Amino acid sequence: MIIKTTLFTLRPIELSDAEGYYECHQDEEAKAAFRSIPASITEAGKEIRENLAKARKGLNEMLTIETEGKMIGFVNLKFTDNPTYKHSVIIGYGIRKDFRGKGITTAAVKKITAYALKKPGIKRIYGYCRS
């Protein structure tokens, strides 16, 4: 799935996005917000591989936020195999510090939310905020 806007393109994440994914986690604000912080580009690649494996099982969809051919952030949909929450998805996201405050993440979350709600059976979207 690819979504194009005037600000960015959302596309499936790839292993070649490891450096950009790593960069999204490295400033102090990001470190305070994420549960998992890759300590290197290699670790970022490992996290991407894990997300791709979950995607093959239908439990995850991670998309790159790309502008001018460069990964600047990501959005992630986490599905569950728990029957209690089968109609729900959790949304997560991250963006490089130099792209914050420009409305890019807000627009990306709106696009991925609309996409998720079109999926059969999805009725709720949850997001978590760590502060």
C-alpha atoms as a PDB file:
ATOM      1  CA  MET A   1       0.000   0.000   0.000  1.00  0.00           C
ATOM      2  CA  ILE A   2       1.302   3.439  -0.966  1.00  0.00           C
ATOM      3  CA  ILE A   3      -0.376   6.740  -0.087  1.00  0.00           C
ATOM      4  CA  LYS A   4       0.916   9.933  -1.737  1.00  0.00           C
ATOM      5  CA  THR A   5       0.177  13.463  -0.541  1.00  0.00           C
ATOM      6  CA  THR A   6       1.729  16.835  -1.337  1.00  0.00           C
ATOM      7  CA  LEU A   7       3.749  16.637   1.913  1.00  0.00           C
ATOM      8  CA  PHE A   8       4.915  13.007   1.901  1.00  0.00           C
ATOM      9  CA  THR A   9       4.521   9.453   0.690  1.00  0.00           C
ATOM     10  CA  LEU A  10       3.558   6.575   2.974  1.00  0.00           C
ATOM     11  CA  ARG A  11       5.018   3.263   1.811  1.00  0.00           C
ATOM     12  CA  PRO A  12       5.869  -0.081   3.416  1.00  0.00           C
ATOM     13  CA  ILE A  13       9.049   0.046   5.482  1.00  0.00           C
ATOM     14  CA  GLU A  14      12.125  -1.744   4.130  1.00  0.00           C
ATOM     15  CA  LEU A  15      15.430  -2.828   5.653  1.00  0.00           C
ATOM     16  CA  SER A  16      17.099  -0.016   3.712  1.00  0.00           C
ATOM     17  CA  ASP A  17      15.180   2.411   5.990  1.00  0.00           C
ATOM     18  CA  ALA A  18      17.212   1.379   9.053  1.00  0.00           C
ATOM     19  CA  GLU A  19      19.276   4.579   9.187  1.00  0.00           C
ATOM     20  CA  GLY A  20      16.192   6.829   9.008  1.00  0.00           C
ATOM     21  CA  TYR A  21      14.368   4.670  11.552  1.00  0.00           C
ATOM     22  CA  TYR A  22      17.381   4.956  13.872  1.00  0.00           C
ATOM     23  CA  GLU A  23      17.458   8.764  13.440  1.00  0.00           C
ATOM     24  CA  CYS A  24      13.779   9.041  14.449  1.00  0.00           C
ATOM     25  CA  HIS A  25      14.664   7.639  17.894  1.00  0.00           C
ATOM     26  CA  GLN A  26      17.822   9.553  18.807  1.00  0.00           C
ATOM     27  CA  ASP A  27      16.913  12.965  20.231  1.00  0.00           C
ATOM     28  CA  GLU A  28      15.969  13.349  23.898  1.00  0.00           C
ATOM     29  CA  GLU A  29      12.252  13.951  23.228  1.00  0.00           C
ATOM     30  CA  ALA A  30      12.043  10.761  21.196  1.00  0.00           C
ATOM     31  CA  LYS A  31      13.989   8.766  23.757  1.00  0.00           C
ATOM     32  CA  ALA A  32      11.468   9.801  26.422  1.00  0.00           C
ATOM     33  CA  ALA A  33       8.531   8.693  24.245  1.00  0.00           C
ATOM     34  CA  PHE A  34       9.565   5.276  22.897  1.00  0.00           C
ATOM     35  CA  ARG A  35       9.656   2.021  24.835  1.00  0.00           C
ATOM     36  CA  SER A  36      12.405   0.679  22.609  1.00  0.00           C
ATOM     37  CA  ILE A  37      15.357   2.767  21.396  1.00  0.00           C
ATOM     38  CA  PRO A  38      17.699   1.179  18.865  1.00  0.00           C
ATOM     39  CA  ALA A  39      21.290   1.782  19.975  1.00  0.00           C
ATOM     40  CA  SER A  40      22.674   1.466  16.443  1.00  0.00           C
ATOM     41  CA  ILE A  41      21.623   1.284  12.814  1.00  0.00           C
ATOM     42  CA  THR A  42      22.137  -2.480  13.069  1.00  0.00           C
ATOM     43  CA  GLU A  43      19.646  -2.661  15.953  1.00  0.00           C
ATOM     44  CA  ALA A  44      17.235  -0.470  13.976  1.00  0.00           C
ATOM     45  CA  GLY A  45      17.472  -2.998  11.150  1.00  0.00           C
ATOM     46  CA  LYS A  46      16.715  -5.784  13.615  1.00  0.00           C
ATOM     47  CA  GLU A  47      13.575  -3.967  14.806  1.00  0.00           C
ATOM     48  CA  ILE A  48      12.485  -3.483  11.187  1.00  0.00           C
ATOM     49  CA  ARG A  49      13.036  -7.208  10.503  1.00  0.00           C
ATOM     50  CA  GLU A  50      10.880  -8.052  13.544  1.00  0.00           C
ATOM     51  CA  ASN A  51       8.135  -5.731  12.294  1.00  0.00           C
ATOM     52  CA  LEU A  52       8.307  -7.263   8.811  1.00  0.00           C
ATOM     53  CA  ALA A  53       7.962 -10.744  10.342  1.00  0.00           C
ATOM     54  CA  LYS A  54       4.879  -9.589  12.264  1.00  0.00           C
ATOM     55  CA  ALA A  55       3.509  -8.071   9.043  1.00  0.00           C
ATOM     56  CA  ARG A  56       3.785 -11.453   7.302  1.00  0.00           C
ATOM     57  CA  LYS A  57       1.601 -12.882  10.102  1.00  0.00           C
ATOM     58  CA  GLY A  58      -0.955 -10.087   9.688  1.00  0.00           C
ATOM     59  CA  LEU A  59      -0.150  -8.530  13.077  1.00  0.00           C
ATOM     60  CA  ASN A  60       1.523  -5.336  11.939  1.00  0.00           C
ATOM     61  CA  GLU A  61       1.779  -2.777   9.138  1.00  0.00           C
ATOM     62  CA  MET A  62       4.659  -0.324   9.384  1.00  0.00           C
ATOM     63  CA  LEU A  63       4.886   2.455   6.826  1.00  0.00           C
ATOM     64  CA  THR A  64       7.667   4.887   6.124  1.00  0.00           C
ATOM     65  CA  ILE A  65       6.929   8.599   5.962  1.00  0.00           C
ATOM     66  CA  GLU A  66       9.082   9.691   3.055  1.00  0.00           C
ATOM     67  CA  THR A  67       9.725  13.118   1.575  1.00  0.00           C
ATOM     68  CA  GLU A  68      12.073  13.970  -1.264  1.00  0.00           C
ATOM     69  CA  GLY A  69      13.175  10.330  -1.375  1.00  0.00           C
ATOM     70  CA  LYS A  70      14.270  10.257   2.275  1.00  0.00           C
ATOM     71  CA  MET A  71      12.704   8.477   5.243  1.00  0.00           C
ATOM     72  CA  ILE A  72      11.765  11.092   7.831  1.00  0.00           C
ATOM     73  CA  GLY A  73       9.426   9.052  10.014  1.00  0.00           C
ATOM     74  CA  PHE A  74       7.089   6.092  10.309  1.00  0.00           C
ATOM     75  CA  VAL A  75       3.573   5.086  11.281  1.00  0.00           C
ATOM     76  CA  ASN A  76       2.706   1.656  12.572  1.00  0.00           C
ATOM     77  CA  LEU A  77      -0.532  -0.291  12.882  1.00  0.00           C
ATOM     78  CA  LYS A  78      -0.466  -3.152  15.376  1.00  0.00           C
ATOM     79  CA  PHE A  79      -3.236  -5.701  15.084  1.00  0.00           C
ATOM     80  CA  THR A  80      -3.907  -8.284  17.746  1.00  0.00           C
ATOM     81  CA  ASP A  81      -4.757 -11.946  17.741  1.00  0.00           C
ATOM     82  CA  ASN A  82      -6.454 -11.502  21.140  1.00  0.00           C
ATOM     83  CA  PRO A  83     -10.182 -12.230  20.548  1.00  0.00           C
ATOM     84  CA  THR A  84     -11.209  -9.536  23.051  1.00  0.00           C
ATOM     85  CA  TYR A  85      -9.583  -6.853  20.884  1.00  0.00           C
ATOM     86  CA  LYS A  86     -10.084  -8.379  17.435  1.00  0.00           C
ATOM     87  CA  HIS A  87     -11.878  -5.242  16.192  1.00  0.00           C
ATOM     88  CA  SER A  88      -9.082  -2.923  17.351  1.00  0.00           C
ATOM     89  CA  VAL A  89      -5.734  -1.667  16.148  1.00  0.00           C
ATOM     90  CA  ILE A  90      -3.024   0.319  17.937  1.00  0.00           C
ATOM     91  CA  ILE A  91      -1.355   3.156  16.072  1.00  0.00           C
ATOM     92  CA  GLY A  92       2.172   4.358  16.734  1.00  0.00           C
ATOM     93  CA  TYR A  93       4.461   6.824  15.005  1.00  0.00           C
ATOM     94  CA  GLY A  94       7.745   8.652  15.086  1.00  0.00           C
ATOM     95  CA  ILE A  95       9.356  11.438  13.089  1.00  0.00           C
ATOM     96  CA  ARG A  96      12.794  13.015  12.986  1.00  0.00           C
ATOM     97  CA  LYS A  97      13.144  16.095  15.168  1.00  0.00           C
ATOM     98  CA  ASP A  98      13.854  18.431  12.236  1.00  0.00           C
ATOM     99  CA  PHE A  99      10.450  17.560  10.708  1.00  0.00           C
ATOM    100  CA  ARG A 100       8.329  18.007  13.846  1.00  0.00           C
ATOM    101  CA  GLY A 101       5.863  20.875  14.125  1.00  0.00           C
ATOM    102  CA  LYS A 102       5.115  20.918  10.386  1.00  0.00           C
ATOM    103  CA  GLY A 103       1.879  18.918  10.410  1.00  0.00           C
ATOM    104  CA  ILE A 104       3.451  15.927   8.686  1.00  0.00           C
ATOM    105  CA  THR A 105       2.829  13.397  11.459  1.00  0.00           C
ATOM    106  CA  THR A 106      -0.721  14.672  11.990  1.00  0.00           C
ATOM    107  CA  ALA A 107      -1.473  14.255   8.292  1.00  0.00           C
ATOM    108  CA  ALA A 108       0.162  10.803   8.225  1.00  0.00           C
ATOM    109  CA  VAL A 109      -1.869   9.651  11.238  1.00  0.00           C
ATOM    110  CA  LYS A 110      -5.083  10.879   9.572  1.00  0.00           C
ATOM    111  CA  LYS A 111      -4.244   8.952   6.391  1.00  0.00           C
ATOM    112  CA  ILE A 112      -3.326   5.724   8.204  1.00  0.00           C
ATOM    113  CA  THR A 113      -6.412   6.010  10.429  1.00  0.00           C
ATOM    114  CA  ALA A 114      -8.693   6.291   7.393  1.00  0.00           C
ATOM    115  CA  TYR A 115      -6.882   3.327   5.834  1.00  0.00           C
ATOM    116  CA  ALA A 116      -7.196   1.214   9.005  1.00  0.00           C
ATOM    117  CA  LEU A 117     -10.906   1.902   9.410  1.00  0.00           C
ATOM    118  CA  LYS A 118     -11.528   0.549   5.888  1.00  0.00           C
ATOM    119  CA  LYS A 119     -10.064  -2.823   6.891  1.00  0.00           C
ATOM    120  CA  PRO A 120     -12.711  -5.480   7.478  1.00  0.00           C
ATOM    121  CA  GLY A 121     -13.663  -5.773  11.140  1.00  0.00           C
ATOM    122  CA  ILE A 122     -11.701  -2.787  12.455  1.00  0.00           C
ATOM    123  CA  LYS A 123     -13.911  -0.577  14.618  1.00  0.00           C
ATOM    124  CA  ARG A 124     -11.475   1.010  17.085  1.00  0.00           C
ATOM    125  CA  ILE A 125      -8.071   2.608  16.929  1.00  0.00           C
ATOM    126  CA  TYR A 126      -6.011   3.116  20.056  1.00  0.00           C
ATOM    127  CA  GLY A 127      -3.005   5.339  20.526  1.00  0.00           C
ATOM    128  CA  TYR A 128      -0.704   5.694  23.493  1.00  0.00           C
ATOM    129  CA  CYS A 129       0.992   8.846  24.654  1.00  0.00           C
ATOM    130  CA  ARG A 130       4.060   8.700  26.853  1.00  0.00           C
ATOM    131  CA  SER A 131       5.110  11.888  28.550  1.00  0.00           C
END
